[in-house]
Amino acid sequence: MFLDIFKYVELLYFCDMLTTETYQKEFVKYLEQYISFKEPQNLYDPIKYILKLGGKRLRPVLTLMTCDIFEVDYKESLDAALAIEVFHNFSLVHDDIMDDAPLRRAKETVHEKWDINTGILSGDAMLIMAYQMFENYSDSTFRNLAKLFSKTALEVCEGQQYDIDFETRDDVTLPEYLKMIEYKTAVLVAAAMQMGAIIAKASIEDQNSIYEFGKNLGIAFQLQDDYLDAFGDPKTFGKQVGGDIIENKKTYLYIKALEFLAQDDKEELLQLFSTTPEDSSDKIDRAKYLFKHSGSADATKKEIESYTKKAFSILESMQISNEKKEVLLQFGESLITREV
């Protein structure tokens, strides 16, 4: 399943499509034009700051790529891609306030650099700005984009609330956890892809299919992130390995381990996830041992593969060329086999 990057670039060339790096560069150029100087500075400077912090730009790239997949110039979808990215960063600003997080992408969070009131107000403005981007489309396209966006935005909020609720519960089930990551993470990936299809005026069947493809890939992506948080290489992962363990997050690894472990080990894991020691290195090491010893680590990898296969199987019925299906397959594999 490992990506042969040269084969991927060759496929994109053969399909008369751009590389993901080119989509990303084109999007960033469009973004920089959008976040030009505005008044009042204390409202717009924090917005400019968070949007310039970088990141993978995964969601807007998917919007551009999907529009291209359905034979329409990807530049037609730049406004929708921008709406997705602005909304995503709005959610990060507010999440950081709720988590009292000091850093985002190794830089100060908005509420730390300014203050909480500024973070709330600038975040609110970003949500409105995201909706504004759809006004650049025809009436029918605007309605379809706004309807999808409203549904998705509400689901992301629901996912965030589930995540908060789980912090104080010891009885979170796997179906509940999977629903949480579907809403908090996967639906925005799915919507990003469906927006590209809407703008390209793909059939309703293909719009729904690309949404399901993105949703299943998004779930696999988050499960992979959970796995890498525990077992990733600190040199490539890009953030502290073991962060979820330190914060007592009830991830798939944790819930599955509780299901598999004998009673004594189960009680140990529950105890580990009820404490926050100053030095968490022993806690991380022991939790990782229990994840592996129980079979939870292997079960998580199998679940990642299962959702990836589910996503790929959806492509079979879509009305696009085999070459473009292969592009989506290769892109999906690049996400799931990543180490960052």
Protein backbone atom coordinates (compact mmCIF):
# COMPACT_ATOMS: atom_id res chain seq x y z
CA MET A 1 0.00 0.00 0.00
CA PHE A 2 2.97 2.34 0.12
CA LEU A 3 2.86 5.21 -2.35
CA ASP A 4 5.24 5.29 -5.26
CA ILE A 5 5.43 9.07 -5.65
CA PHE A 6 6.85 8.87 -9.17
CA LYS A 7 3.95 6.69 -10.27
CA TYR A 8 1.55 9.19 -8.67
CA VAL A 9 3.04 12.18 -10.50
CA GLU A 10 3.03 10.17 -13.73
CA LEU A 11 -0.66 9.40 -13.26
CA LEU A 12 -1.47 13.06 -12.67
CA TYR A 13 0.39 14.01 -15.83
CA PHE A 14 -1.35 11.30 -17.84
CA CYS A 15 -4.75 12.53 -16.59
CA ASP A 16 -3.85 16.14 -17.44
CA MET A 17 -4.07 16.99 -13.74
CA LEU A 18 -1.79 18.92 -11.42
CA THR A 19 0.27 17.53 -8.57
CA THR A 20 -1.03 18.03 -5.03
CA GLU A 21 1.89 20.38 -4.42
CA THR A 22 0.73 22.57 -7.29
CA TYR A 23 -2.85 22.63 -6.02
CA GLN A 24 -1.46 23.62 -2.65
CA LYS A 25 0.70 26.42 -4.05
CA GLU A 26 -2.17 27.79 -6.14
CA PHE A 27 -4.44 27.73 -3.13
CA VAL A 28 -1.92 29.47 -0.86
CA LYS A 29 -1.44 32.19 -3.48
CA TYR A 30 -5.22 32.72 -3.59
CA LEU A 31 -5.39 32.70 0.21
CA GLU A 32 -2.69 35.36 0.51
CA GLN A 33 -4.64 37.64 -1.84
CA TYR A 34 -7.71 37.14 0.31
CA ILE A 35 -6.10 38.02 3.66
CA SER A 36 -4.87 41.43 2.60
CA PHE A 37 -4.95 44.29 5.11
CA LYS A 38 -8.37 45.10 6.61
CA GLU A 39 -9.68 47.26 9.44
CA PRO A 40 -10.12 47.00 12.36
CA GLN A 41 -6.72 45.41 12.78
CA ASN A 42 -7.54 43.80 16.12
CA LEU A 43 -10.26 41.76 14.41
CA TYR A 44 -8.47 40.85 11.17
CA ASP A 45 -4.83 40.49 12.27
CA PRO A 46 -5.59 37.33 14.32
CA ILE A 47 -7.42 35.89 11.29
CA LYS A 48 -4.46 36.62 9.04
CA TYR A 49 -2.16 35.10 11.68
CA ILE A 50 -3.97 31.75 12.00
CA LEU A 51 -4.46 31.41 8.24
CA LYS A 52 -0.75 31.97 7.61
CA LEU A 53 0.41 29.36 10.13
CA GLY A 54 0.43 26.77 7.39
CA GLY A 55 -0.56 23.15 7.79
CA LYS A 56 -1.20 20.50 5.16
CA ARG A 57 -4.06 22.43 3.47
CA LEU A 58 -5.52 18.96 2.93
CA ARG A 59 -9.18 19.98 2.73
CA PRO A 60 -8.87 22.80 0.16
CA VAL A 61 -6.54 20.66 -1.95
CA LEU A 62 -9.23 17.96 -2.00
CA THR A 63 -11.83 20.49 -3.19
CA LEU A 64 -9.58 21.61 -6.06
CA MET A 65 -8.59 18.05 -6.96
CA THR A 66 -12.19 16.82 -7.00
CA CYS A 67 -13.31 19.66 -9.25
CA ASP A 68 -10.47 18.71 -11.61
CA ILE A 69 -11.40 15.01 -11.39
CA PHE A 70 -14.86 15.89 -12.75
CA GLU A 71 -13.40 17.72 -15.76
CA VAL A 72 -13.87 21.34 -14.64
CA ASP A 73 -11.05 23.88 -14.18
CA TYR A 74 -10.01 23.60 -10.52
CA LYS A 75 -9.82 27.42 -10.29
CA GLU A 76 -13.63 27.46 -10.37
CA SER A 77 -13.54 25.87 -6.90
CA LEU A 78 -11.00 28.19 -5.26
CA ASP A 79 -13.68 30.14 -3.36
CA ALA A 80 -15.23 26.96 -1.97
CA ALA A 81 -11.76 25.67 -1.05
CA LEU A 82 -11.12 28.94 0.76
CA ALA A 83 -14.43 28.63 2.63
CA ILE A 84 -13.44 25.16 3.83
CA GLU A 85 -10.01 26.33 4.99
CA VAL A 86 -11.35 29.44 6.75
CA PHE A 87 -13.98 27.35 8.53
CA HIS A 88 -11.41 24.72 9.53
CA ASN A 89 -9.19 27.38 11.05
CA PHE A 90 -12.17 29.03 12.77
CA SER A 91 -12.80 25.69 14.50
CA LEU A 92 -9.13 25.50 15.53
CA VAL A 93 -9.22 28.97 17.10
CA HIS A 94 -12.25 28.06 19.21
CA ASP A 95 -10.95 24.54 19.99
CA ASP A 96 -7.72 26.05 21.29
CA ILE A 97 -9.69 28.34 23.60
CA MET A 98 -11.72 25.40 24.93
CA ASP A 99 -8.57 23.30 25.42
CA ASP A 100 -6.58 26.25 26.82
CA ALA A 101 -3.90 25.23 24.32
CA PRO A 102 -0.77 27.44 24.31
CA LEU A 103 0.56 26.33 20.90
CA ARG A 104 -0.77 25.62 17.42
CA ARG A 105 1.70 24.38 14.80
CA ALA A 106 4.53 25.30 17.21
CA LYS A 107 3.35 28.94 17.37
CA GLU A 108 1.31 30.80 19.97
CA THR A 109 -2.43 30.20 19.69
CA VAL A 110 -4.61 33.20 18.85
CA HIS A 111 -6.03 33.58 22.36
CA GLU A 112 -2.53 33.42 23.85
CA LYS A 113 -1.04 35.93 21.42
CA TRP A 114 -3.99 38.31 21.84
CA ASP A 115 -6.67 37.33 24.40
CA ILE A 116 -9.74 35.11 24.74
CA ASN A 117 -12.24 37.79 23.68
CA THR A 118 -10.26 38.47 20.52
CA GLY A 119 -10.09 34.74 19.78
CA ILE A 120 -13.86 34.38 20.14
CA LEU A 121 -14.70 37.44 18.02
CA SER A 122 -12.14 36.77 15.28
CA GLY A 123 -13.32 33.16 15.16
CA ASP A 124 -16.93 34.30 14.79
CA ALA A 125 -15.89 36.59 11.94
CA MET A 126 -14.14 33.67 10.19
CA LEU A 127 -17.33 31.61 10.23
CA ILE A 128 -19.22 34.46 8.55
CA MET A 129 -16.38 34.99 6.06
CA ALA A 130 -16.54 31.31 5.12
CA TYR A 131 -20.21 31.63 4.20
CA GLN A 132 -19.48 34.78 2.20
CA MET A 133 -17.23 32.86 -0.18
CA PHE A 134 -20.22 30.94 -1.55
CA GLU A 135 -21.78 34.21 -2.73
CA ASN A 136 -19.39 34.14 -5.69
CA TYR A 137 -21.30 31.22 -7.26
CA SER A 138 -24.56 31.06 -9.20
CA ASP A 139 -27.78 30.87 -7.20
CA SER A 140 -28.28 27.13 -7.59
CA THR A 141 -24.64 26.30 -6.82
CA PHE A 142 -24.71 28.70 -3.85
CA ARG A 143 -27.76 26.95 -2.41
CA ASN A 144 -26.21 23.50 -2.77
CA LEU A 145 -22.89 24.58 -1.27
CA ALA A 146 -24.49 26.47 1.62
CA LYS A 147 -26.84 23.58 2.43
CA LEU A 148 -23.93 21.12 2.59
CA PHE A 149 -21.78 23.57 4.52
CA SER A 150 -24.47 24.26 7.17
CA LYS A 151 -25.00 20.53 7.73
CA THR A 152 -21.26 19.92 7.99
CA ALA A 153 -20.57 22.88 10.30
CA LEU A 154 -23.23 21.70 12.74
CA GLU A 155 -21.87 18.13 12.67
CA VAL A 156 -18.36 19.42 13.44
CA CYS A 157 -19.77 21.23 16.49
CA GLU A 158 -21.58 18.05 17.55
CA GLY A 159 -18.35 16.08 17.16
CA GLN A 160 -16.49 18.59 19.32
CA GLN A 161 -19.16 18.26 22.04
CA TYR A 162 -18.92 14.46 21.95
CA ASP A 163 -15.14 14.79 22.35
CA ILE A 164 -15.58 17.07 25.37
CA ASP A 165 -18.15 14.71 26.91
CA PHE A 166 -15.82 11.73 26.51
CA GLU A 167 -13.16 13.41 28.68
CA THR A 168 -15.19 12.68 31.82
CA ARG A 169 -16.46 9.24 30.84
CA ASP A 170 -14.85 5.82 31.30
CA ASP A 171 -17.53 3.94 29.35
CA VAL A 172 -17.05 5.34 25.83
CA THR A 173 -17.90 2.66 23.26
CA LEU A 174 -16.24 2.10 19.88
CA PRO A 175 -19.41 3.09 17.95
CA GLU A 176 -19.57 6.33 19.96
CA TYR A 177 -15.89 7.05 19.31
CA LEU A 178 -16.21 6.36 15.58
CA LYS A 179 -19.24 8.65 15.40
CA MET A 180 -17.26 11.37 17.18
CA ILE A 181 -14.32 11.26 14.75
CA GLU A 182 -16.72 11.03 11.80
CA TYR A 183 -18.36 14.29 12.88
CA LYS A 184 -15.31 16.10 14.20
CA THR A 185 -12.93 15.23 11.37
CA ALA A 186 -14.27 13.09 8.53
CA VAL A 187 -17.37 15.05 7.48
CA LEU A 188 -15.28 18.12 6.66
CA VAL A 189 -13.00 16.03 4.43
CA ALA A 190 -16.12 14.56 2.79
CA ALA A 191 -17.75 17.97 2.32
CA ALA A 192 -14.55 19.40 0.84
CA MET A 193 -14.67 16.74 -1.87
CA GLN A 194 -18.41 17.02 -2.50
CA MET A 195 -18.09 20.79 -2.94
CA GLY A 196 -15.64 20.21 -5.77
CA ALA A 197 -18.16 17.84 -7.35
CA ILE A 198 -21.03 20.32 -6.87
CA ILE A 199 -19.08 23.08 -8.61
CA ALA A 200 -18.20 20.69 -11.44
CA LYS A 201 -21.92 19.83 -11.73
CA ALA A 202 -21.25 16.12 -11.33
CA SER A 203 -24.28 13.84 -11.10
CA ILE A 204 -26.02 13.54 -7.72
CA GLU A 205 -24.89 9.91 -7.58
CA ASP A 206 -21.25 10.88 -8.08
CA GLN A 207 -21.58 13.76 -5.59
CA ASN A 208 -22.86 11.34 -2.96
CA SER A 209 -20.21 8.76 -3.83
CA ILE A 210 -17.32 11.21 -3.54
CA TYR A 211 -18.75 12.34 -0.19
CA GLU A 212 -18.78 8.75 1.10
CA PHE A 213 -15.28 8.22 -0.27
CA GLY A 214 -14.05 11.30 1.62
CA LYS A 215 -15.89 10.38 4.81
CA ASN A 216 -14.43 6.87 5.00
CA LEU A 217 -10.98 8.14 4.08
CA GLY A 218 -11.35 10.84 6.75
CA ILE A 219 -12.14 8.24 9.42
CA ALA A 220 -9.12 6.18 8.34
CA PHE A 221 -7.02 9.37 8.40
CA GLN A 222 -8.04 10.13 12.00
CA LEU A 223 -7.46 6.55 13.15
CA GLN A 224 -4.02 6.74 11.57
CA ASP A 225 -3.44 9.98 13.46
CA ASP A 226 -4.44 8.23 16.70
CA TYR A 227 -2.02 5.41 15.94
CA LEU A 228 0.84 7.76 15.06
CA ASP A 229 0.23 9.76 18.23
CA ALA A 230 1.28 6.67 20.18
CA PHE A 231 3.65 4.88 17.80
CA GLY A 232 4.86 7.53 15.36
CA ASP A 233 8.48 8.55 14.91
CA PRO A 234 9.10 11.76 16.91
CA LYS A 235 11.42 12.95 14.12
CA THR A 236 8.68 12.84 11.47
CA PHE A 237 5.35 13.02 13.33
CA GLY A 238 5.50 16.79 13.81
CA LYS A 239 4.11 16.89 17.35
CA GLN A 240 4.72 15.25 20.69
CA VAL A 241 4.34 11.47 20.52
CA GLY A 242 2.09 10.29 23.34
CA GLY A 243 0.09 13.52 23.53
CA ASP A 244 -3.25 11.66 23.59
CA ILE A 245 -1.97 9.44 26.41
CA ILE A 246 -0.83 12.45 28.44
CA GLU A 247 -4.25 14.08 27.97
CA ASN A 248 -6.12 10.83 28.82
CA LYS A 249 -7.88 10.79 25.43
CA LYS A 250 -10.21 7.84 24.90
CA THR A 251 -8.95 6.93 21.44
CA TYR A 252 -9.62 3.78 19.44
CA LEU A 253 -6.38 2.33 20.83
CA TYR A 254 -7.52 2.90 24.40
CA ILE A 255 -11.10 1.63 23.98
CA LYS A 256 -9.97 -1.48 22.10
CA ALA A 257 -7.31 -2.22 24.74
CA LEU A 258 -9.95 -2.13 27.49
CA GLU A 259 -11.99 -4.60 25.45
CA PHE A 260 -9.07 -7.04 25.08
CA LEU A 261 -7.15 -6.77 28.37
CA ALA A 262 -7.44 -9.13 31.33
CA GLN A 263 -8.97 -7.54 34.43
CA ASP A 264 -5.69 -6.65 36.19
CA ASP A 265 -4.23 -5.00 33.10
CA LYS A 266 -7.54 -3.29 32.39
CA GLU A 267 -7.54 -1.75 35.87
CA GLU A 268 -3.96 -0.59 35.34
CA LEU A 269 -4.88 1.15 32.09
CA LEU A 270 -7.90 2.80 33.72
CA GLN A 271 -5.63 4.02 36.52
CA LEU A 272 -3.05 5.32 34.06
CA PHE A 273 -5.73 7.35 32.26
CA SER A 274 -6.98 8.90 35.50
CA THR A 275 -3.69 10.62 36.31
CA THR A 276 -1.57 13.42 34.82
CA PRO A 277 1.95 13.15 36.29
CA GLU A 278 4.50 15.92 35.78
CA ASP A 279 6.80 13.47 34.02
CA SER A 280 4.62 11.40 31.70
CA SER A 281 7.36 9.29 30.08
CA ASP A 282 6.64 6.19 32.21
CA LYS A 283 2.90 6.59 31.67
CA ILE A 284 3.39 6.78 27.89
CA ASP A 285 5.70 3.75 27.82
CA ARG A 286 3.34 1.64 29.93
CA ALA A 287 0.24 2.62 27.94
CA LYS A 288 2.00 1.80 24.67
CA TYR A 289 3.01 -1.58 26.09
CA LEU A 290 -0.60 -2.33 27.04
CA PHE A 291 -1.81 -1.21 23.59
CA LYS A 292 0.59 -3.65 21.93
CA HIS A 293 0.25 -6.44 24.50
CA SER A 294 -3.55 -6.42 24.27
CA GLY A 295 -3.61 -6.53 20.46
CA SER A 296 -5.18 -3.07 20.33
CA ALA A 297 -2.36 -1.66 18.18
CA ASP A 298 -2.85 -4.36 15.54
CA ALA A 299 -6.63 -4.00 15.72
CA THR A 300 -6.30 -0.27 15.07
CA LYS A 301 -4.14 -0.87 12.00
CA LYS A 302 -6.73 -3.35 10.71
CA GLU A 303 -9.51 -0.80 11.23
CA ILE A 304 -7.51 1.81 9.30
CA GLU A 305 -7.16 -0.69 6.45
CA SER A 306 -10.88 -1.56 6.64
CA TYR A 307 -12.03 2.06 6.28
CA THR A 308 -9.50 2.66 3.53
CA LYS A 309 -10.79 -0.34 1.57
CA LYS A 310 -14.36 0.84 2.14
CA ALA A 311 -13.44 4.23 0.67
CA PHE A 312 -11.69 2.65 -2.32
CA SER A 313 -14.61 0.29 -3.06
CA ILE A 314 -16.89 3.31 -3.52
CA LEU A 315 -14.82 4.50 -6.47
CA GLU A 316 -15.84 1.49 -8.56
CA SER A 317 -19.33 2.86 -9.29
CA MET A 318 -18.26 6.43 -10.06
CA GLN A 319 -18.57 7.84 -13.58
CA ILE A 320 -14.95 8.90 -13.99
CA SER A 321 -12.09 7.36 -15.95
CA ASN A 322 -10.02 4.53 -14.53
CA GLU A 323 -6.97 6.81 -14.62
CA LYS A 324 -8.71 9.34 -12.36
CA LYS A 325 -9.92 6.60 -10.05
CA GLU A 326 -6.29 5.53 -9.77
CA VAL A 327 -5.30 9.11 -8.88
CA LEU A 328 -7.79 9.05 -5.99
CA LEU A 329 -6.55 5.61 -4.92
CA GLN A 330 -2.95 6.76 -4.87
CA PHE A 331 -3.86 9.96 -3.03
CA GLY A 332 -5.77 7.96 -0.43
CA GLU A 333 -2.82 5.63 0.06
CA SER A 334 -0.49 8.61 0.53
CA LEU A 335 -2.68 9.85 3.40
CA ILE A 336 -3.01 6.52 5.16
CA THR A 337 0.63 5.43 4.88
CA ARG A 338 1.96 8.79 6.00
CA GLU A 339 4.26 9.12 9.02
CA VAL A 340 3.50 12.79 9.73
